[in-house]
Amino acid sequence: MSFTIMRIQKIKTLQQAHGHCAHHLRETAVGNADPNRKDMNQILLGSKTGWYQEIKTKTDPYVKRKDAVRAFEVMLTPSPDFFAKGGIEKYGQFSGTKVDEFKASAMEWLKSEFGDCLQNVVLHLDEKTPHIHAIVVPLVQDPKGKPGELKLNQKAFLDGPTALKELQDRCAEALKPLGLERGKPGSKAKHQPCKKFYGALQKKGKYKL
């Protein structure tokens, strides 16, 4: 049985944004990625270079506190067996048809869920399991402001564990037609940041749900 996996990581500083950008665009070496497959990666939305500067330009006027969340990353991927070519899971060998189906469904959900707040989306195909990294800049209508007056407000999407669970539910429902199941809600598995979580996944070849 294959599962839908989603992880969220908040981005509070421009340094963190730069690190995410460098990873997504392979501007720095990635230990578990094959450098010979770098050109297979796909920019599905947004800039091909230096998009962290766009985050600075967009968010600077709205940053009122040092710990403000300027953006957050959504990492989406099915469990590795979903992409297995011919039913056999091997490093870097996966069904192109399954990749296309996942990409189309994931993009449809991301656009529907985050709308104009969706900044950049990258599909990585140079690692063991295809996966998507999406950057969301939470500039939304200020509930206390005039129409069109924006506010940097990640709580509009990530206001506590209930909101995160509901986000995971909607994501799983959107990808369900692909034959993917949602991981068990309320799992006691400890949440990990995207980078640490995915690094462990690639080493072990398994997801801990």
N, C-alpha and C. Protein backbone atom coordinates (compact mmCIF):
# COMPACT_ATOMS: atom_id res chain seq x y z
N MET A 1 0.84 -1.19 0.00
CA MET A 1 0.00 0.00 0.00
C MET A 1 0.88 1.25 0.00
N SER A 2 0.55 2.20 -0.86
CA SER A 2 1.33 3.44 -0.96
C SER A 2 0.61 4.57 -0.23
N PHE A 3 1.39 5.46 0.38
CA PHE A 3 0.84 6.53 1.19
C PHE A 3 1.20 7.91 0.63
N THR A 4 0.35 8.88 0.95
CA THR A 4 0.66 10.28 0.68
C THR A 4 1.39 10.85 1.88
N ILE A 5 2.51 11.52 1.64
CA ILE A 5 3.30 12.12 2.70
C ILE A 5 3.40 13.62 2.46
N MET A 6 3.14 14.42 3.50
CA MET A 6 3.30 15.86 3.42
C MET A 6 4.03 16.35 4.65
N ARG A 7 5.03 17.21 4.45
CA ARG A 7 5.75 17.81 5.56
C ARG A 7 5.80 19.32 5.36
N ILE A 8 5.73 20.07 6.47
CA ILE A 8 5.75 21.53 6.44
C ILE A 8 6.97 22.03 7.19
N GLN A 9 7.64 23.05 6.65
CA GLN A 9 8.73 23.69 7.37
C GLN A 9 8.62 25.20 7.21
N LYS A 10 8.59 25.92 8.34
CA LYS A 10 8.46 27.37 8.31
C LYS A 10 9.79 28.03 7.94
N ILE A 11 9.71 29.16 7.25
CA ILE A 11 10.89 29.92 6.84
C ILE A 11 10.75 31.32 7.44
N LYS A 12 11.60 31.63 8.43
CA LYS A 12 11.49 32.89 9.14
C LYS A 12 12.52 33.93 8.71
N THR A 13 13.65 33.48 8.20
CA THR A 13 14.72 34.41 7.84
C THR A 13 15.08 34.29 6.37
N LEU A 14 15.74 35.33 5.86
CA LEU A 14 16.18 35.30 4.46
C LEU A 14 17.31 34.28 4.29
N GLN A 15 18.07 34.06 5.36
CA GLN A 15 19.12 33.04 5.30
C GLN A 15 18.51 31.66 5.10
N GLN A 16 17.43 31.40 5.82
CA GLN A 16 16.73 30.12 5.64
C GLN A 16 16.15 30.03 4.23
N ALA A 17 15.59 31.13 3.74
CA ALA A 17 15.03 31.14 2.38
C ALA A 17 16.13 30.85 1.36
N HIS A 18 17.29 31.41 1.56
CA HIS A 18 18.42 31.18 0.65
C HIS A 18 18.82 29.71 0.67
N GLY A 19 18.82 29.10 1.86
CA GLY A 19 19.16 27.68 1.97
C GLY A 19 18.18 26.80 1.23
N HIS A 20 16.89 27.10 1.36
CA HIS A 20 15.87 26.33 0.65
C HIS A 20 16.03 26.49 -0.86
N CYS A 21 16.27 27.72 -1.29
CA CYS A 21 16.44 27.99 -2.71
C CYS A 21 17.63 27.22 -3.27
N ALA A 22 18.76 27.28 -2.55
CA ALA A 22 19.97 26.59 -2.99
C ALA A 22 19.74 25.09 -3.11
N HIS A 23 18.98 24.53 -2.17
CA HIS A 23 18.67 23.10 -2.21
C HIS A 23 17.75 22.77 -3.38
N HIS A 24 16.68 23.55 -3.51
CA HIS A 24 15.69 23.26 -4.55
C HIS A 24 16.28 23.36 -5.96
N LEU A 25 17.12 24.38 -6.16
CA LEU A 25 17.68 24.63 -7.50
C LEU A 25 19.04 23.97 -7.70
N ARG A 26 19.46 23.20 -6.71
CA ARG A 26 20.73 22.46 -6.76
C ARG A 26 21.92 23.41 -6.98
N GLU A 27 21.88 24.54 -6.29
CA GLU A 27 23.01 25.47 -6.32
C GLU A 27 24.12 25.02 -5.37
N THR A 28 23.78 24.10 -4.50
CA THR A 28 24.77 23.46 -3.63
C THR A 28 24.64 21.95 -3.79
N ALA A 29 25.68 21.24 -3.43
CA ALA A 29 25.67 19.78 -3.56
C ALA A 29 24.68 19.16 -2.58
N VAL A 30 23.97 18.16 -3.05
CA VAL A 30 23.01 17.43 -2.22
C VAL A 30 23.50 15.98 -2.15
N GLY A 31 23.83 15.55 -0.94
CA GLY A 31 24.49 14.27 -0.76
C GLY A 31 23.76 13.07 -1.33
N ASN A 32 22.43 13.06 -1.26
CA ASN A 32 21.68 11.90 -1.73
C ASN A 32 21.12 12.08 -3.12
N ALA A 33 21.61 13.12 -3.85
CA ALA A 33 21.15 13.35 -5.22
C ALA A 33 22.26 12.97 -6.21
N ASP A 34 21.85 12.45 -7.35
CA ASP A 34 22.79 12.06 -8.40
C ASP A 34 23.07 13.29 -9.27
N PRO A 35 24.29 13.84 -9.26
CA PRO A 35 24.60 15.04 -10.03
C PRO A 35 24.41 14.85 -11.54
N ASN A 36 24.47 13.61 -11.98
CA ASN A 36 24.29 13.33 -13.41
C ASN A 36 22.83 13.40 -13.84
N ARG A 37 21.92 13.45 -12.85
CA ARG A 37 20.50 13.53 -13.15
C ARG A 37 19.91 14.91 -12.83
N LYS A 38 20.77 15.85 -12.54
CA LYS A 38 20.35 17.19 -12.14
C LYS A 38 19.42 17.83 -13.16
N ASP A 39 19.70 17.64 -14.43
CA ASP A 39 18.90 18.27 -15.49
C ASP A 39 17.50 17.68 -15.61
N MET A 40 17.24 16.58 -14.93
CA MET A 40 15.91 15.98 -14.96
C MET A 40 14.91 16.75 -14.09
N ASN A 41 15.43 17.51 -13.12
CA ASN A 41 14.56 18.25 -12.22
C ASN A 41 13.75 19.28 -12.99
N GLN A 42 12.55 19.58 -12.49
CA GLN A 42 11.63 20.46 -13.23
C GLN A 42 11.14 21.60 -12.34
N ILE A 43 11.23 22.83 -12.84
CA ILE A 43 10.62 23.98 -12.19
C ILE A 43 9.17 24.03 -12.66
N LEU A 44 8.24 23.75 -11.78
CA LEU A 44 6.83 23.69 -12.16
C LEU A 44 6.14 25.04 -12.02
N LEU A 45 6.72 25.90 -11.20
CA LEU A 45 6.14 27.23 -11.01
C LEU A 45 7.21 28.16 -10.44
N GLY A 46 7.27 29.37 -10.98
CA GLY A 46 8.15 30.40 -10.41
C GLY A 46 9.50 30.49 -11.05
N SER A 47 10.38 31.22 -10.36
CA SER A 47 11.68 31.59 -10.87
C SER A 47 12.65 30.44 -10.91
N LYS A 48 13.58 30.48 -11.84
CA LYS A 48 14.60 29.46 -11.98
C LYS A 48 15.88 29.82 -11.24
N THR A 49 15.97 31.09 -10.80
CA THR A 49 17.15 31.54 -10.07
C THR A 49 16.74 32.50 -8.96
N GLY A 50 17.45 32.41 -7.84
CA GLY A 50 17.37 33.39 -6.77
C GLY A 50 16.00 33.82 -6.30
N TRP A 51 15.05 32.90 -6.19
CA TRP A 51 13.71 33.33 -5.81
C TRP A 51 13.61 33.81 -4.37
N TYR A 52 14.65 33.56 -3.55
CA TYR A 52 14.60 34.05 -2.17
C TYR A 52 14.59 35.57 -2.13
N GLN A 53 15.14 36.22 -3.17
CA GLN A 53 15.10 37.68 -3.25
C GLN A 53 13.66 38.16 -3.47
N GLU A 54 12.87 37.36 -4.16
CA GLU A 54 11.47 37.70 -4.37
C GLU A 54 10.71 37.63 -3.04
N ILE A 55 11.08 36.67 -2.20
CA ILE A 55 10.47 36.59 -0.88
C ILE A 55 10.79 37.85 -0.07
N LYS A 56 12.03 38.29 -0.13
CA LYS A 56 12.43 39.52 0.58
C LYS A 56 11.61 40.71 0.10
N THR A 57 11.52 40.88 -1.22
CA THR A 57 10.80 42.02 -1.79
C THR A 57 9.32 41.98 -1.39
N LYS A 58 8.74 40.79 -1.44
CA LYS A 58 7.31 40.66 -1.13
C LYS A 58 7.01 40.87 0.35
N THR A 59 7.88 40.37 1.21
CA THR A 59 7.54 40.32 2.63
C THR A 59 8.10 41.45 3.47
N ASP A 60 9.17 42.09 3.03
CA ASP A 60 9.79 43.16 3.83
C ASP A 60 8.78 44.20 4.34
N PRO A 61 7.86 44.68 3.51
CA PRO A 61 6.93 45.71 4.00
C PRO A 61 5.97 45.21 5.07
N TYR A 62 5.87 43.89 5.23
CA TYR A 62 4.88 43.33 6.15
C TYR A 62 5.49 42.68 7.38
N VAL A 63 6.83 42.66 7.46
CA VAL A 63 7.49 42.04 8.61
C VAL A 63 7.45 42.99 9.79
N LYS A 64 6.68 42.64 10.80
CA LYS A 64 6.53 43.48 11.99
C LYS A 64 7.32 42.93 13.18
N ARG A 65 7.70 41.65 13.13
CA ARG A 65 8.42 41.02 14.24
C ARG A 65 9.59 40.20 13.68
N LYS A 66 10.62 40.05 14.49
CA LYS A 66 11.80 39.31 14.06
C LYS A 66 11.49 37.84 13.79
N ASP A 67 10.52 37.30 14.49
CA ASP A 67 10.21 35.88 14.34
C ASP A 67 9.06 35.65 13.36
N ALA A 68 8.76 36.66 12.55
CA ALA A 68 7.67 36.51 11.57
C ALA A 68 8.00 35.41 10.57
N VAL A 69 6.99 34.63 10.20
CA VAL A 69 7.16 33.58 9.20
C VAL A 69 6.97 34.20 7.82
N ARG A 70 8.07 34.33 7.08
CA ARG A 70 8.01 34.95 5.75
C ARG A 70 7.42 34.00 4.72
N ALA A 71 7.65 32.71 4.91
CA ALA A 71 7.17 31.70 3.95
C ALA A 71 7.19 30.34 4.65
N PHE A 72 6.65 29.35 3.97
CA PHE A 72 6.82 27.98 4.46
C PHE A 72 6.91 27.04 3.28
N GLU A 73 7.59 25.92 3.53
CA GLU A 73 7.79 24.92 2.48
C GLU A 73 6.83 23.76 2.70
N VAL A 74 6.25 23.30 1.62
CA VAL A 74 5.43 22.10 1.63
C VAL A 74 6.16 21.04 0.82
N MET A 75 6.52 19.93 1.46
CA MET A 75 7.15 18.83 0.75
C MET A 75 6.11 17.73 0.55
N LEU A 76 5.91 17.33 -0.69
CA LEU A 76 4.92 16.32 -1.04
C LEU A 76 5.59 15.15 -1.74
N THR A 77 5.21 13.95 -1.34
CA THR A 77 5.70 12.76 -2.03
C THR A 77 4.87 11.55 -1.63
N PRO A 78 4.67 10.62 -2.53
CA PRO A 78 4.12 9.32 -2.13
C PRO A 78 5.24 8.47 -1.53
N SER A 79 4.88 7.41 -0.83
CA SER A 79 5.90 6.48 -0.36
C SER A 79 6.59 5.86 -1.58
N PRO A 80 7.87 5.48 -1.44
CA PRO A 80 8.70 5.09 -2.59
C PRO A 80 8.11 4.02 -3.49
N ASP A 81 7.36 3.06 -2.92
CA ASP A 81 6.85 1.95 -3.72
C ASP A 81 5.85 2.40 -4.79
N PHE A 82 5.25 3.59 -4.61
CA PHE A 82 4.29 4.08 -5.59
C PHE A 82 4.92 4.23 -6.96
N PHE A 83 6.18 4.66 -6.99
CA PHE A 83 6.86 4.92 -8.26
C PHE A 83 7.61 3.72 -8.81
N ALA A 84 7.63 2.63 -8.06
CA ALA A 84 8.44 1.49 -8.45
C ALA A 84 8.12 1.03 -9.87
N LYS A 85 9.15 0.92 -10.68
CA LYS A 85 8.99 0.51 -12.07
C LYS A 85 8.95 -1.01 -12.16
N GLY A 86 7.86 -1.54 -12.69
CA GLY A 86 7.74 -2.99 -12.80
C GLY A 86 7.60 -3.68 -11.46
N GLY A 87 7.17 -2.90 -10.45
CA GLY A 87 6.98 -3.49 -9.13
C GLY A 87 8.27 -3.69 -8.35
N ILE A 88 9.39 -3.24 -8.92
CA ILE A 88 10.68 -3.41 -8.25
C ILE A 88 11.25 -2.03 -7.94
N GLU A 89 11.53 -1.79 -6.67
CA GLU A 89 12.06 -0.49 -6.26
C GLU A 89 13.57 -0.49 -6.37
N LYS A 90 14.11 0.33 -7.27
CA LYS A 90 15.55 0.49 -7.41
C LYS A 90 15.89 1.96 -7.44
N TYR A 91 17.08 2.29 -7.03
CA TYR A 91 17.48 3.68 -6.93
C TYR A 91 17.36 4.38 -8.29
N GLY A 92 16.57 5.44 -8.31
CA GLY A 92 16.47 6.26 -9.51
C GLY A 92 15.70 5.63 -10.65
N GLN A 93 15.06 4.49 -10.44
CA GLN A 93 14.26 3.87 -11.49
C GLN A 93 12.80 3.94 -11.07
N PHE A 94 12.02 4.68 -11.86
CA PHE A 94 10.61 4.85 -11.50
C PHE A 94 9.76 5.03 -12.74
N SER A 95 8.50 4.79 -12.58
CA SER A 95 7.55 4.86 -13.68
C SER A 95 7.29 6.31 -14.08
N GLY A 96 7.58 6.64 -15.34
CA GLY A 96 7.35 8.00 -15.84
C GLY A 96 5.88 8.37 -15.81
N THR A 97 5.02 7.40 -16.08
CA THR A 97 3.57 7.64 -16.06
C THR A 97 3.13 8.03 -14.66
N LYS A 98 3.63 7.33 -13.64
CA LYS A 98 3.27 7.64 -12.26
C LYS A 98 3.77 9.02 -11.86
N VAL A 99 4.95 9.38 -12.35
CA VAL A 99 5.49 10.72 -12.06
C VAL A 99 4.58 11.80 -12.63
N ASP A 100 4.14 11.62 -13.88
CA ASP A 100 3.26 12.60 -14.52
C ASP A 100 1.93 12.72 -13.78
N GLU A 101 1.39 11.60 -13.34
CA GLU A 101 0.12 11.61 -12.61
C GLU A 101 0.27 12.34 -11.28
N PHE A 102 1.34 12.03 -10.57
CA PHE A 102 1.59 12.68 -9.29
C PHE A 102 1.80 14.18 -9.47
N LYS A 103 2.60 14.56 -10.45
CA LYS A 103 2.89 15.97 -10.70
C LYS A 103 1.61 16.76 -11.00
N ALA A 104 0.78 16.22 -11.87
CA ALA A 104 -0.46 16.91 -12.25
C ALA A 104 -1.40 17.06 -11.07
N SER A 105 -1.59 15.99 -10.31
CA SER A 105 -2.52 16.04 -9.17
C SER A 105 -2.00 16.93 -8.05
N ALA A 106 -0.70 16.86 -7.80
CA ALA A 106 -0.10 17.68 -6.74
C ALA A 106 -0.20 19.16 -7.09
N MET A 107 0.09 19.51 -8.35
CA MET A 107 0.01 20.91 -8.75
C MET A 107 -1.42 21.43 -8.68
N GLU A 108 -2.36 20.62 -9.07
CA GLU A 108 -3.76 21.03 -9.00
C GLU A 108 -4.15 21.33 -7.56
N TRP A 109 -3.74 20.46 -6.63
CA TRP A 109 -4.07 20.68 -5.23
C TRP A 109 -3.36 21.90 -4.66
N LEU A 110 -2.08 22.06 -4.95
CA LEU A 110 -1.31 23.19 -4.43
C LEU A 110 -1.92 24.52 -4.87
N LYS A 111 -2.28 24.61 -6.14
CA LYS A 111 -2.87 25.85 -6.65
C LYS A 111 -4.24 26.12 -6.02
N SER A 112 -5.02 25.05 -5.86
CA SER A 112 -6.34 25.19 -5.26
C SER A 112 -6.23 25.59 -3.80
N GLU A 113 -5.26 25.03 -3.10
CA GLU A 113 -5.11 25.24 -1.65
C GLU A 113 -4.50 26.60 -1.32
N PHE A 114 -3.48 27.01 -2.07
CA PHE A 114 -2.72 28.20 -1.69
C PHE A 114 -2.87 29.39 -2.64
N GLY A 115 -3.46 29.17 -3.80
CA GLY A 115 -3.76 30.26 -4.72
C GLY A 115 -2.56 31.12 -5.05
N ASP A 116 -2.73 32.45 -4.96
CA ASP A 116 -1.67 33.38 -5.32
C ASP A 116 -0.52 33.37 -4.33
N CYS A 117 -0.69 32.72 -3.19
CA CYS A 117 0.38 32.64 -2.20
C CYS A 117 1.44 31.61 -2.60
N LEU A 118 1.12 30.79 -3.58
CA LEU A 118 2.07 29.79 -4.05
C LEU A 118 3.17 30.48 -4.86
N GLN A 119 4.41 30.38 -4.39
CA GLN A 119 5.51 31.15 -4.96
C GLN A 119 6.34 30.34 -5.95
N ASN A 120 6.79 29.18 -5.52
CA ASN A 120 7.67 28.34 -6.34
C ASN A 120 7.38 26.87 -6.09
N VAL A 121 7.49 26.06 -7.15
CA VAL A 121 7.30 24.62 -7.03
C VAL A 121 8.37 23.92 -7.86
N VAL A 122 9.04 22.96 -7.26
CA VAL A 122 10.10 22.20 -7.93
C VAL A 122 9.83 20.71 -7.78
N LEU A 123 9.99 19.98 -8.88
CA LEU A 123 9.92 18.53 -8.85
C LEU A 123 11.33 17.97 -8.96
N HIS A 124 11.75 17.21 -7.97
CA HIS A 124 13.08 16.60 -7.97
C HIS A 124 13.00 15.17 -8.48
N LEU A 125 13.80 14.90 -9.49
CA LEU A 125 13.87 13.57 -10.07
C LEU A 125 15.29 13.00 -10.02
N ASP A 126 16.17 13.68 -9.30
CA ASP A 126 17.57 13.23 -9.24
C ASP A 126 17.88 12.46 -7.95
N GLU A 127 16.83 12.14 -7.19
CA GLU A 127 17.02 11.35 -5.98
C GLU A 127 16.27 10.02 -6.13
N LYS A 128 16.30 9.23 -5.10
CA LYS A 128 15.71 7.89 -5.19
C LYS A 128 14.22 7.95 -5.49
N THR A 129 13.51 8.85 -4.82
CA THR A 129 12.06 8.95 -4.97
C THR A 129 11.66 10.33 -5.45
N PRO A 130 10.90 10.46 -6.53
CA PRO A 130 10.43 11.76 -6.98
C PRO A 130 9.61 12.45 -5.89
N HIS A 131 9.81 13.75 -5.75
CA HIS A 131 9.10 14.51 -4.73
C HIS A 131 9.02 15.97 -5.13
N ILE A 132 8.10 16.69 -4.50
CA ILE A 132 7.87 18.09 -4.82
C ILE A 132 8.14 18.96 -3.61
N HIS A 133 8.83 20.08 -3.84
CA HIS A 133 9.00 21.13 -2.84
C HIS A 133 8.24 22.36 -3.33
N ALA A 134 7.35 22.87 -2.50
CA ALA A 134 6.59 24.08 -2.85
C ALA A 134 6.84 25.15 -1.79
N ILE A 135 6.99 26.38 -2.22
CA ILE A 135 7.17 27.50 -1.31
C ILE A 135 5.91 28.37 -1.33
N VAL A 136 5.39 28.63 -0.13
CA VAL A 136 4.18 29.44 0.02
C VAL A 136 4.52 30.70 0.80
N VAL A 137 4.18 31.87 0.25
CA VAL A 137 4.36 33.15 0.95
C VAL A 137 2.97 33.58 1.43
N PRO A 138 2.72 33.51 2.75
CA PRO A 138 1.36 33.69 3.27
C PRO A 138 0.92 35.16 3.39
N LEU A 139 0.90 35.86 2.27
CA LEU A 139 0.37 37.22 2.23
C LEU A 139 -1.12 37.13 1.90
N VAL A 140 -1.95 37.41 2.88
CA VAL A 140 -3.39 37.25 2.72
C VAL A 140 -4.12 38.53 3.14
N GLN A 141 -5.38 38.58 2.83
CA GLN A 141 -6.20 39.72 3.23
C GLN A 141 -6.16 39.89 4.75
N ASP A 142 -5.86 41.11 5.19
CA ASP A 142 -5.87 41.42 6.62
C ASP A 142 -7.32 41.44 7.10
N PRO A 143 -7.70 40.52 8.00
CA PRO A 143 -9.10 40.45 8.45
C PRO A 143 -9.57 41.74 9.12
N LYS A 144 -8.63 42.55 9.61
CA LYS A 144 -8.99 43.81 10.26
C LYS A 144 -8.75 45.02 9.36
N GLY A 145 -8.27 44.75 8.14
CA GLY A 145 -7.94 45.84 7.24
C GLY A 145 -9.00 46.10 6.18
N LYS A 146 -8.73 47.07 5.33
CA LYS A 146 -9.62 47.40 4.23
C LYS A 146 -9.48 46.34 3.13
N PRO A 147 -10.46 46.23 2.25
CA PRO A 147 -10.35 45.28 1.13
C PRO A 147 -9.06 45.53 0.34
N GLY A 148 -8.31 44.46 0.12
CA GLY A 148 -7.05 44.58 -0.62
C GLY A 148 -5.85 44.86 0.27
N GLU A 149 -6.09 45.08 1.55
CA GLU A 149 -4.99 45.33 2.48
C GLU A 149 -4.45 43.99 2.98
N LEU A 150 -3.19 43.75 2.72
CA LEU A 150 -2.60 42.44 2.99
C LEU A 150 -1.89 42.37 4.34
N LYS A 151 -1.72 41.14 4.79
CA LYS A 151 -1.02 40.87 6.03
C LYS A 151 -0.23 39.59 5.87
N LEU A 152 0.99 39.57 6.42
CA LEU A 152 1.80 38.36 6.42
C LEU A 152 1.29 37.50 7.57
N ASN A 153 0.60 36.40 7.24
CA ASN A 153 -0.13 35.66 8.26
C ASN A 153 -0.14 34.17 7.97
N GLN A 154 0.89 33.46 8.45
CA GLN A 154 0.96 32.01 8.22
C GLN A 154 -0.15 31.27 8.94
N LYS A 155 -0.75 31.90 9.97
CA LYS A 155 -1.82 31.24 10.71
C LYS A 155 -3.07 31.05 9.85
N ALA A 156 -3.15 31.77 8.75
CA ALA A 156 -4.27 31.57 7.84
C ALA A 156 -4.25 30.15 7.27
N PHE A 157 -3.07 29.52 7.28
CA PHE A 157 -2.92 28.17 6.75
C PHE A 157 -2.50 27.16 7.82
N LEU A 158 -1.72 27.61 8.81
CA LEU A 158 -1.08 26.68 9.74
C LEU A 158 -1.36 27.03 11.19
N ASP A 159 -2.58 27.36 11.51
CA ASP A 159 -2.91 27.80 12.86
C ASP A 159 -3.15 26.61 13.79
N GLY A 160 -2.05 26.00 14.24
CA GLY A 160 -2.15 24.92 15.21
C GLY A 160 -2.26 23.53 14.59
N PRO A 161 -2.18 22.48 15.42
CA PRO A 161 -2.18 21.09 14.95
C PRO A 161 -3.46 20.69 14.24
N THR A 162 -4.59 21.26 14.63
CA THR A 162 -5.85 20.92 13.96
C THR A 162 -5.84 21.37 12.51
N ALA A 163 -5.34 22.59 12.29
CA ALA A 163 -5.27 23.12 10.92
C ALA A 163 -4.31 22.30 10.07
N LEU A 164 -3.19 21.87 10.66
CA LEU A 164 -2.23 21.05 9.93
C LEU A 164 -2.83 19.70 9.57
N LYS A 165 -3.54 19.10 10.51
CA LYS A 165 -4.20 17.82 10.25
C LYS A 165 -5.21 17.96 9.11
N GLU A 166 -5.99 19.03 9.13
CA GLU A 166 -6.99 19.24 8.08
C GLU A 166 -6.32 19.48 6.73
N LEU A 167 -5.17 20.16 6.75
CA LEU A 167 -4.42 20.37 5.51
C LEU A 167 -3.94 19.03 4.96
N GLN A 168 -3.44 18.17 5.84
CA GLN A 168 -3.00 16.84 5.43
C GLN A 168 -4.18 16.01 4.90
N ASP A 169 -5.33 16.16 5.54
CA ASP A 169 -6.53 15.45 5.09
C ASP A 169 -6.91 15.86 3.67
N ARG A 170 -6.90 17.16 3.41
CA ARG A 170 -7.28 17.66 2.08
C ARG A 170 -6.27 17.22 1.02
N CYS A 171 -5.02 17.22 1.39
CA CYS A 171 -3.98 16.77 0.45
C CYS A 171 -4.18 15.29 0.12
N ALA A 172 -4.39 14.48 1.14
CA ALA A 172 -4.59 13.04 0.94
C ALA A 172 -5.83 12.77 0.09
N GLU A 173 -6.88 13.53 0.31
CA GLU A 173 -8.11 13.36 -0.46
C GLU A 173 -7.88 13.70 -1.92
N ALA A 174 -7.09 14.76 -2.18
CA ALA A 174 -6.81 15.17 -3.55
C ALA A 174 -5.99 14.14 -4.31
N LEU A 175 -5.11 13.45 -3.60
CA LEU A 175 -4.23 12.46 -4.25
C LEU A 175 -4.77 11.03 -4.17
N LYS A 176 -5.90 10.88 -3.52
CA LYS A 176 -6.50 9.55 -3.37
C LYS A 176 -6.81 8.88 -4.69
N PRO A 177 -7.28 9.62 -5.73
CA PRO A 177 -7.56 8.96 -7.01
C PRO A 177 -6.34 8.27 -7.63
N LEU A 178 -5.14 8.62 -7.18
CA LEU A 178 -3.93 7.96 -7.69
C LEU A 178 -3.73 6.58 -7.07
N GLY A 179 -4.58 6.26 -6.08
CA GLY A 179 -4.42 4.99 -5.39
C GLY A 179 -3.61 5.13 -4.11
N LEU A 180 -3.45 6.38 -3.64
CA LEU A 180 -2.66 6.64 -2.44
C LEU A 180 -3.57 6.73 -1.22
N GLU A 181 -3.07 6.25 -0.09
CA GLU A 181 -3.81 6.29 1.16
C GLU A 181 -3.21 7.36 2.07
N ARG A 182 -4.03 7.85 2.98
CA ARG A 182 -3.53 8.81 3.95
C ARG A 182 -2.88 8.05 5.10
N GLY A 183 -1.75 8.59 5.61
CA GLY A 183 -1.13 8.00 6.79
C GLY A 183 -2.08 8.07 7.97
N LYS A 184 -1.88 7.27 8.96
CA LYS A 184 -2.77 7.19 10.10
C LYS A 184 -2.82 8.51 10.86
N PRO A 185 -3.99 9.17 10.93
CA PRO A 185 -4.11 10.41 11.71
C PRO A 185 -3.82 10.15 13.18
N GLY A 186 -3.17 11.14 13.82
CA GLY A 186 -2.89 10.98 15.24
C GLY A 186 -1.71 10.07 15.52
N SER A 187 -0.92 9.78 14.48
CA SER A 187 0.25 8.92 14.69
C SER A 187 1.18 9.54 15.73
N LYS A 188 1.84 8.70 16.53
CA LYS A 188 2.77 9.19 17.55
C LYS A 188 4.17 9.40 16.98
N ALA A 189 4.33 9.16 15.68
CA ALA A 189 5.64 9.40 15.06
C ALA A 189 5.98 10.87 15.20
N LYS A 190 7.22 11.17 15.61
CA LYS A 190 7.64 12.54 15.86
C LYS A 190 7.82 13.30 14.56
N HIS A 191 7.29 14.54 14.53
CA HIS A 191 7.43 15.36 13.33
C HIS A 191 8.89 15.78 13.17
N GLN A 192 9.36 15.80 11.92
CA GLN A 192 10.71 16.23 11.63
C GLN A 192 10.67 17.30 10.55
N PRO A 193 11.65 18.24 10.59
CA PRO A 193 11.74 19.22 9.50
C PRO A 193 11.94 18.50 8.17
N CYS A 194 11.54 19.16 7.08
CA CYS A 194 11.59 18.54 5.76
C CYS A 194 12.96 17.96 5.42
N LYS A 195 14.00 18.77 5.64
CA LYS A 195 15.34 18.34 5.23
C LYS A 195 15.79 17.10 5.98
N LYS A 196 15.60 17.10 7.31
CA LYS A 196 16.00 15.95 8.13
C LYS A 196 15.15 14.74 7.79
N PHE A 197 13.86 14.96 7.64
CA PHE A 197 12.94 13.86 7.34
C PHE A 197 13.29 13.21 6.01
N TYR A 198 13.50 14.03 4.96
CA TYR A 198 13.74 13.45 3.66
C TYR A 198 15.12 12.81 3.56
N GLY A 199 16.10 13.38 4.29
CA GLY A 199 17.42 12.76 4.31
C GLY A 199 17.36 11.37 4.91
N ALA A 200 16.59 11.22 5.99
CA ALA A 200 16.44 9.90 6.61
C ALA A 200 15.72 8.95 5.68
N LEU A 201 14.72 9.45 4.98
CA LEU A 201 13.96 8.64 4.04
C LEU A 201 14.86 8.06 2.96
N GLN A 202 15.71 8.90 2.38
CA GLN A 202 16.54 8.47 1.27
C GLN A 202 17.56 7.42 1.72
N LYS A 203 18.04 7.57 2.96
CA LYS A 203 19.02 6.61 3.46
C LYS A 203 18.39 5.25 3.72
N LYS A 204 17.18 5.28 4.29
CA LYS A 204 16.52 4.04 4.68
C LYS A 204 15.67 3.43 3.57
N GLY A 205 15.25 4.31 2.64
CA GLY A 205 14.36 3.82 1.59
C GLY A 205 12.95 3.59 2.07
N LYS A 206 12.62 4.13 3.27
CA LYS A 206 11.30 3.91 3.84
C LYS A 206 10.80 5.19 4.50
N TYR A 207 9.48 5.27 4.65
CA TYR A 207 8.88 6.38 5.37
C TYR A 207 8.42 5.89 6.73
N LYS A 208 8.63 6.69 7.75
CA LYS A 208 8.04 6.43 9.06
C LYS A 208 6.84 7.32 9.22
N LEU A 209 5.66 6.74 9.21
CA LEU A 209 4.43 7.53 9.25
C LEU A 209 4.01 7.78 10.69
